[in-house]
Structure formats: C-alpha cells, structure tokens
Amino acid sequence: MILRLLTDLKIEQQALKEQLEKMQTALSILEEKPTILEEKSATLQEKPVVTKQRGHSGFPTSFRDWRASSQKN
C-alpha cells in the first residue's frame, strides 16, 4: 500500500512539474511580447512619414481645371 501511494505521488509530482514547465514557458512568452511591441512602436515612431509627390504632367488634375482649360482653347 505504501508503494502504491509513493507511485501515485511520483506520478502526481511529474504531472505538476510538467504543468509548471508549461506555465513558465507561457510566462516567458508573455514577458517577451511587451518588449517586442515596444520595439515595434519605437521603430514606427523613428520612421518619418514620407508623402508621395507626383511630377507635374502639364495636364489639369481635376475635372474643373480640365473643363476650364478646354473652354479656353
């Protein structure tokens, strides 16, 4: 009977060790995530916003400008 209790305790101890390892890995992953998010936000803040600039084509860009230029001709 004592041997059976000891084996049950060993089995329970092993299961608890596995649960502890899983919780530790989950905790380490959660601790890493905020640092990763902070790094991403820092890199996003460092990059300046660049707007696209088009070269002037010589043609009117809006319908109103096009109509005014076509009525002049």
PDB file of N, CA and C in Angstrom:
ATOM      1  N   MET A   1       0.826  -1.195   0.000  1.00  0.00           N
ATOM      2  CA  MET A   1       0.000   0.000   0.000  1.00  0.00           C
ATOM      3  C   MET A   1       0.874   1.264   0.000  1.00  0.00           C
ATOM      4  N   ILE A   2       1.934   1.261   0.762  1.00  0.00           N
ATOM      5  CA  ILE A   2       2.837   2.416   0.802  1.00  0.00           C
ATOM      6  C   ILE A   2       3.487   2.605  -0.557  1.00  0.00           C
ATOM      7  N   LEU A   3       3.859   1.511  -1.195  1.00  0.00           N
ATOM      8  CA  LEU A   3       4.468   1.612  -2.528  1.00  0.00           C
ATOM      9  C   LEU A   3       3.491   2.229  -3.524  1.00  0.00           C
ATOM     10  N   ARG A   4       2.249   1.842  -3.417  1.00  0.00           N
ATOM     11  CA  ARG A   4       1.241   2.401  -4.322  1.00  0.00           C
ATOM     12  C   ARG A   4       1.084   3.905  -4.090  1.00  0.00           C
ATOM     13  N   LEU A   5       1.058   4.334  -2.843  1.00  0.00           N
ATOM     14  CA  LEU A   5       0.956   5.755  -2.531  1.00  0.00           C
ATOM     15  C   LEU A   5       2.172   6.512  -3.054  1.00  0.00           C
ATOM     16  N   LEU A   6       3.355   5.909  -2.904  1.00  0.00           N
ATOM     17  CA  LEU A   6       4.574   6.550  -3.405  1.00  0.00           C
ATOM     18  C   LEU A   6       4.538   6.696  -4.919  1.00  0.00           C
ATOM     19  N   THR A   7       4.072   5.664  -5.599  1.00  0.00           N
ATOM     20  CA  THR A   7       3.984   5.749  -7.061  1.00  0.00           C
ATOM     21  C   THR A   7       2.963   6.800  -7.477  1.00  0.00           C
ATOM     22  N   ASP A   8       1.852   6.856  -6.780  1.00  0.00           N
ATOM     23  CA  ASP A   8       0.852   7.888  -7.080  1.00  0.00           C
ATOM     24  C   ASP A   8       1.431   9.282  -6.865  1.00  0.00           C
ATOM     25  N   LEU A   9       2.191   9.445  -5.786  1.00  0.00           N
ATOM     26  CA  LEU A   9       2.813  10.739  -5.515  1.00  0.00           C
ATOM     27  C   LEU A   9       3.831  11.105  -6.587  1.00  0.00           C
ATOM     28  N   LYS A  10       4.598  10.115  -7.039  1.00  0.00           N
ATOM     29  CA  LYS A  10       5.585  10.381  -8.095  1.00  0.00           C
ATOM     30  C   LYS A  10       4.890  10.786  -9.389  1.00  0.00           C
ATOM     31  N   ILE A  11       3.805  10.105  -9.706  1.00  0.00           N
ATOM     32  CA  ILE A  11       3.051  10.434 -10.921  1.00  0.00           C
ATOM     33  C   ILE A  11       2.482  11.843 -10.811  1.00  0.00           C
ATOM     34  N   GLU A  12       1.924  12.162  -9.640  1.00  0.00           N
ATOM     35  CA  GLU A  12       1.366  13.495  -9.434  1.00  0.00           C
ATOM     36  C   GLU A  12       2.461  14.560  -9.476  1.00  0.00           C
ATOM     37  N   GLN A  13       3.619  14.243  -8.907  1.00  0.00           N
ATOM     38  CA  GLN A  13       4.745  15.179  -8.931  1.00  0.00           C
ATOM     39  C   GLN A  13       5.196  15.439 -10.364  1.00  0.00           C
ATOM     40  N   GLN A  14       5.257  14.393 -11.180  1.00  0.00           N
ATOM     41  CA  GLN A  14       5.657  14.547 -12.576  1.00  0.00           C
ATOM     42  C   GLN A  14       4.650  15.414 -13.335  1.00  0.00           C
ATOM     43  N   ALA A  15       3.370  15.197 -13.088  1.00  0.00           N
ATOM     44  CA  ALA A  15       2.338  15.998 -13.750  1.00  0.00           C
ATOM     45  C   ALA A  15       2.447  17.460 -13.331  1.00  0.00           C
ATOM     46  N   LEU A  16       2.708  17.690 -12.038  1.00  0.00           N
ATOM     47  CA  LEU A  16       2.858  19.062 -11.562  1.00  0.00           C
ATOM     48  C   LEU A  16       4.096  19.722 -12.157  1.00  0.00           C
ATOM     49  N   LYS A  17       5.172  18.966 -12.322  1.00  0.00           N
ATOM     50  CA  LYS A  17       6.385  19.512 -12.948  1.00  0.00           C
ATOM     51  C   LYS A  17       6.099  19.926 -14.384  1.00  0.00           C
ATOM     52  N   GLU A  18       5.352  19.087 -15.113  1.00  0.00           N
ATOM     53  CA  GLU A  18       5.011  19.406 -16.499  1.00  0.00           C
ATOM     54  C   GLU A  18       4.148  20.665 -16.567  1.00  0.00           C
ATOM     55  N   GLN A  19       3.186  20.772 -15.658  1.00  0.00           N
ATOM     56  CA  GLN A  19       2.343  21.971 -15.628  1.00  0.00           C
ATOM     57  C   GLN A  19       3.171  23.206 -15.321  1.00  0.00           C
ATOM     58  N   LEU A  20       4.124  23.065 -14.385  1.00  0.00           N
ATOM     59  CA  LEU A  20       4.984  24.181 -14.026  1.00  0.00           C
ATOM     60  C   LEU A  20       5.830  24.619 -15.216  1.00  0.00           C
ATOM     61  N   GLU A  21       6.376  23.659 -15.963  1.00  0.00           N
ATOM     62  CA  GLU A  21       7.179  23.994 -17.146  1.00  0.00           C
ATOM     63  C   GLU A  21       6.335  24.722 -18.184  1.00  0.00           C
ATOM     64  N   LYS A  22       5.115  24.238 -18.403  1.00  0.00           N
ATOM     65  CA  LYS A  22       4.228  24.890 -19.367  1.00  0.00           C
ATOM     66  C   LYS A  22       3.916  26.320 -18.946  1.00  0.00           C
ATOM     67  N   MET A  23       3.653  26.500 -17.652  1.00  0.00           N
ATOM     68  CA  MET A  23       3.331  27.840 -17.162  1.00  0.00           C
ATOM     69  C   MET A  23       4.544  28.761 -17.256  1.00  0.00           C
ATOM     70  N   GLN A  24       5.739  28.223 -17.009  1.00  0.00           N
ATOM     71  CA  GLN A  24       6.946  29.042 -17.102  1.00  0.00           C
ATOM     72  C   GLN A  24       7.214  29.464 -18.539  1.00  0.00           C
ATOM     73  N   THR A  25       7.008  28.551 -19.491  1.00  0.00           N
ATOM     74  CA  THR A  25       7.220  28.928 -20.892  1.00  0.00           C
ATOM     75  C   THR A  25       6.179  29.959 -21.329  1.00  0.00           C
ATOM     76  N   ALA A  26       4.930  29.771 -20.895  1.00  0.00           N
ATOM     77  CA  ALA A  26       3.889  30.747 -21.239  1.00  0.00           C
ATOM     78  C   ALA A  26       4.211  32.108 -20.630  1.00  0.00           C
ATOM     79  N   LEU A  27       4.708  32.111 -19.412  1.00  0.00           N
ATOM     80  CA  LEU A  27       5.066  33.365 -18.753  1.00  0.00           C
ATOM     81  C   LEU A  27       6.225  34.049 -19.459  1.00  0.00           C
ATOM     82  N   SER A  28       7.210  33.271 -19.861  1.00  0.00           N
ATOM     83  CA  SER A  28       8.351  33.881 -20.562  1.00  0.00           C
ATOM     84  C   SER A  28       7.919  34.453 -21.908  1.00  0.00           C
ATOM     85  N   ILE A  29       6.997  33.776 -22.586  1.00  0.00           N
ATOM     86  CA  ILE A  29       6.483  34.288 -23.863  1.00  0.00           C
ATOM     87  C   ILE A  29       5.727  35.596 -23.636  1.00  0.00           C
ATOM     88  N   LEU A  30       4.900  35.628 -22.590  1.00  0.00           N
ATOM     89  CA  LEU A  30       4.143  36.848 -22.295  1.00  0.00           C
ATOM     90  C   LEU A  30       5.055  37.991 -21.877  1.00  0.00           C
ATOM     91  N   GLU A  31       6.143  37.678 -21.203  1.00  0.00           N
ATOM     92  CA  GLU A  31       7.079  38.729 -20.810  1.00  0.00           C
ATOM     93  C   GLU A  31       7.829  39.274 -22.015  1.00  0.00           C
ATOM     94  N   GLU A  32       8.058  38.431 -23.027  1.00  0.00           N
ATOM     95  CA  GLU A  32       8.769  38.868 -24.224  1.00  0.00           C
ATOM     96  C   GLU A  32       7.883  39.724 -25.121  1.00  0.00           C
ATOM     97  N   LYS A  33       6.588  39.460 -25.155  1.00  0.00           N
ATOM     98  CA  LYS A  33       5.684  40.174 -26.057  1.00  0.00           C
ATOM     99  C   LYS A  33       5.686  41.682 -25.846  1.00  0.00           C
ATOM    100  N   PRO A  34       5.579  42.203 -24.632  1.00  0.00           N
ATOM    101  CA  PRO A  34       5.596  43.669 -24.482  1.00  0.00           C
ATOM    102  C   PRO A  34       6.893  44.292 -24.984  1.00  0.00           C
ATOM    103  N   THR A  35       8.013  43.614 -24.805  1.00  0.00           N
ATOM    104  CA  THR A  35       9.263  44.189 -25.300  1.00  0.00           C
ATOM    105  C   THR A  35       9.274  44.199 -26.814  1.00  0.00           C
ATOM    106  N   ILE A  36       8.707  43.174 -27.426  1.00  0.00           N
ATOM    107  CA  ILE A  36       8.634  43.133 -28.892  1.00  0.00           C
ATOM    108  C   ILE A  36       7.724  44.254 -29.382  1.00  0.00           C
ATOM    109  N   LEU A  37       6.573  44.441 -28.703  1.00  0.00           N
ATOM    110  CA  LEU A  37       5.656  45.506 -29.102  1.00  0.00           C
ATOM    111  C   LEU A  37       6.284  46.874 -28.900  1.00  0.00           C
ATOM    112  N   GLU A  38       7.057  47.036 -27.816  1.00  0.00           N
ATOM    113  CA  GLU A  38       7.724  48.316 -27.585  1.00  0.00           C
ATOM    114  C   GLU A  38       8.760  48.590 -28.665  1.00  0.00           C
ATOM    115  N   GLU A  39       9.484  47.533 -29.087  1.00  0.00           N
ATOM    116  CA  GLU A  39      10.477  47.707 -30.148  1.00  0.00           C
ATOM    117  C   GLU A  39       9.795  48.107 -31.447  1.00  0.00           C
ATOM    118  N   LYS A  40       8.659  47.464 -31.755  1.00  0.00           N
ATOM    119  CA  LYS A  40       7.941  47.791 -32.988  1.00  0.00           C
ATOM    120  C   LYS A  40       7.439  49.226 -32.958  1.00  0.00           C
ATOM    121  N   SER A  41       6.880  49.641 -31.828  1.00  0.00           N
ATOM    122  CA  SER A  41       6.367  51.010 -31.750  1.00  0.00           C
ATOM    123  C   SER A  41       7.509  52.014 -31.827  1.00  0.00           C
ATOM    124  N   ALA A  42       8.667  51.657 -31.281  1.00  0.00           N
ATOM    125  CA  ALA A  42       9.818  52.560 -31.360  1.00  0.00           C
ATOM    126  C   ALA A  42      10.282  52.696 -32.804  1.00  0.00           C
ATOM    127  N   THR A  43      10.288  51.590 -33.553  1.00  0.00           N
ATOM    128  CA  THR A  43      10.717  51.674 -34.947  1.00  0.00           C
ATOM    129  C   THR A  43       9.686  52.432 -35.771  1.00  0.00           C
ATOM    130  N   LEU A  44       8.403  52.292 -35.436  1.00  0.00           N
ATOM    131  CA  LEU A  44       7.383  53.037 -36.165  1.00  0.00           C
ATOM    132  C   LEU A  44       7.500  54.527 -35.886  1.00  0.00           C
ATOM    133  N   GLN A  45       7.855  54.886 -34.668  1.00  0.00           N
ATOM    134  CA  GLN A  45       7.988  56.294 -34.341  1.00  0.00           C
ATOM    135  C   GLN A  45       9.228  56.896 -34.975  1.00  0.00           C
ATOM    136  N   GLU A  46      10.268  56.093 -35.188  1.00  0.00           N
ATOM    137  CA  GLU A  46      11.507  56.604 -35.756  1.00  0.00           C
ATOM    138  C   GLU A  46      11.372  56.937 -37.233  1.00  0.00           C
ATOM    139  N   LYS A  47      10.530  56.194 -37.953  1.00  0.00           N
ATOM    140  CA  LYS A  47      10.408  56.396 -39.392  1.00  0.00           C
ATOM    141  C   LYS A  47       9.604  57.664 -39.679  1.00  0.00           C
ATOM    142  N   PRO A  48      10.148  58.583 -40.450  1.00  0.00           N
ATOM    143  CA  PRO A  48       9.377  59.779 -40.803  1.00  0.00           C
ATOM    144  C   PRO A  48       8.341  59.438 -41.871  1.00  0.00           C
ATOM    145  N   VAL A  49       7.263  60.162 -41.847  1.00  0.00           N
ATOM    146  CA  VAL A  49       6.202  59.949 -42.824  1.00  0.00           C
ATOM    147  C   VAL A  49       6.592  60.665 -44.110  1.00  0.00           C
ATOM    148  N   VAL A  50       6.632  59.902 -45.191  1.00  0.00           N
ATOM    149  CA  VAL A  50       7.005  60.472 -46.481  1.00  0.00           C
ATOM    150  C   VAL A  50       5.775  60.443 -47.373  1.00  0.00           C
ATOM    151  N   THR A  51       5.397  61.594 -47.902  1.00  0.00           N
ATOM    152  CA  THR A  51       4.252  61.652 -48.798  1.00  0.00           C
ATOM    153  C   THR A  51       4.735  61.503 -50.231  1.00  0.00           C
ATOM    154  N   LYS A  52       3.906  60.858 -51.025  1.00  0.00           N
ATOM    155  CA  LYS A  52       4.258  60.698 -52.432  1.00  0.00           C
ATOM    156  C   LYS A  52       4.055  62.022 -53.150  1.00  0.00           C
ATOM    157  N   GLN A  53       5.010  62.356 -53.970  1.00  0.00           N
ATOM    158  CA  GLN A  53       4.879  63.575 -54.756  1.00  0.00           C
ATOM    159  C   GLN A  53       4.947  63.194 -56.228  1.00  0.00           C
ATOM    160  N   ARG A  54       3.978  63.668 -56.969  1.00  0.00           N
ATOM    161  CA  ARG A  54       3.949  63.382 -58.399  1.00  0.00           C
ATOM    162  C   ARG A  54       4.578  64.531 -59.161  1.00  0.00           C
ATOM    163  N   GLY A  55       5.185  64.184 -60.255  1.00  0.00           N
ATOM    164  CA  GLY A  55       5.720  65.222 -61.127  1.00  0.00           C
ATOM    165  C   GLY A  55       4.588  65.893 -61.886  1.00  0.00           C
ATOM    166  N   HIS A  56       4.761  67.140 -62.243  1.00  0.00           N
ATOM    167  CA  HIS A  56       3.721  67.870 -62.963  1.00  0.00           C
ATOM    168  C   HIS A  56       3.667  67.364 -64.398  1.00  0.00           C
ATOM    169  N   SER A  57       2.496  66.884 -64.817  1.00  0.00           N
ATOM    170  CA  SER A  57       2.363  66.301 -66.149  1.00  0.00           C
ATOM    171  C   SER A  57       2.007  67.338 -67.210  1.00  0.00           C
ATOM    172  N   GLY A  58       1.564  68.497 -66.792  1.00  0.00           N
ATOM    173  CA  GLY A  58       1.148  69.504 -67.756  1.00  0.00           C
ATOM    174  C   GLY A  58      -0.333  69.443 -68.041  1.00  0.00           C
ATOM    175  N   PHE A  59      -0.989  68.369 -67.655  1.00  0.00           N
ATOM    176  CA  PHE A  59      -2.425  68.235 -67.842  1.00  0.00           C
ATOM    177  C   PHE A  59      -3.139  68.658 -66.565  1.00  0.00           C
ATOM    178  N   PRO A  60      -4.365  69.164 -66.680  1.00  0.00           N
ATOM    179  CA  PRO A  60      -5.125  69.534 -65.482  1.00  0.00           C
ATOM    180  C   PRO A  60      -5.406  68.295 -64.632  1.00  0.00           C
ATOM    181  N   THR A  61      -5.321  68.463 -63.330  1.00  0.00           N
ATOM    182  CA  THR A  61      -5.501  67.309 -62.453  1.00  0.00           C
ATOM    183  C   THR A  61      -6.948  67.114 -62.025  1.00  0.00           C
ATOM    184  N   SER A  62      -7.753  68.147 -62.016  1.00  0.00           N
ATOM    185  CA  SER A  62      -9.151  67.990 -61.622  1.00  0.00           C
ATOM    186  C   SER A  62     -10.051  68.206 -62.832  1.00  0.00           C
ATOM    187  N   PHE A  63     -11.273  67.744 -62.716  1.00  0.00           N
ATOM    188  CA  PHE A  63     -12.236  67.908 -63.804  1.00  0.00           C
ATOM    189  C   PHE A  63     -12.510  69.387 -64.054  1.00  0.00           C
ATOM    190  N   ARG A  64     -12.628  70.142 -62.974  1.00  0.00           N
ATOM    191  CA  ARG A  64     -12.910  71.577 -63.103  1.00  0.00           C
ATOM    192  C   ARG A  64     -11.776  72.276 -63.854  1.00  0.00           C
ATOM    193  N   ASP A  65     -10.529  71.942 -63.518  1.00  0.00           N
ATOM    194  CA  ASP A  65      -9.384  72.535 -64.223  1.00  0.00           C
ATOM    195  C   ASP A  65      -9.369  72.106 -65.689  1.00  0.00           C
ATOM    196  N   TRP A  66      -9.684  70.842 -65.939  1.00  0.00           N
ATOM    197  CA  TRP A  66      -9.683  70.340 -67.319  1.00  0.00           C
ATOM    198  C   TRP A  66     -10.745  71.065 -68.145  1.00  0.00           C
ATOM    199  N   ARG A  67     -11.934  71.248 -67.552  1.00  0.00           N
ATOM    200  CA  ARG A  67     -13.021  71.898 -68.278  1.00  0.00           C
ATOM    201  C   ARG A  67     -12.683  73.362 -68.566  1.00  0.00           C
ATOM    202  N   ALA A  68     -12.074  74.019 -67.596  1.00  0.00           N
ATOM    203  CA  ALA A  68     -11.702  75.420 -67.793  1.00  0.00           C
ATOM    204  C   ALA A  68     -10.645  75.538 -68.887  1.00  0.00           C
ATOM    205  N   SER A  69      -9.695  74.616 -68.909  1.00  0.00           N
ATOM    206  CA  SER A  69      -8.648  74.699 -69.931  1.00  0.00           C
ATOM    207  C   SER A  69      -9.190  74.334 -71.308  1.00  0.00           C
ATOM    208  N   SER A  70     -10.153  73.416 -71.360  1.00  0.00           N
ATOM    209  CA  SER A  70     -10.713  73.042 -72.662  1.00  0.00           C
ATOM    210  C   SER A  70     -11.623  74.144 -73.209  1.00  0.00           C
ATOM    211  N   GLN A  71     -12.260  74.915 -72.344  1.00  0.00           N
ATOM    212  CA  GLN A  71     -13.104  76.018 -72.807  1.00  0.00           C
ATOM    213  C   GLN A  71     -12.262  77.187 -73.305  1.00  0.00           C
ATOM    214  N   LYS A  72     -11.050  77.319 -72.768  1.00  0.00           N
ATOM    215  CA  LYS A  72     -10.163  78.387 -73.225  1.00  0.00           C
ATOM    216  C   LYS A  72      -9.709  78.123 -74.651  1.00  0.00           C
ATOM    217  N   ASN A  73      -9.497  76.865 -74.972  1.00  0.00           N
ATOM    218  CA  ASN A  73      -8.997  76.516 -76.310  1.00  0.00           C
ATOM    219  C   ASN A  73     -10.125  76.524 -77.255  1.00  0.00           C
TER     220      ASN A  73
END
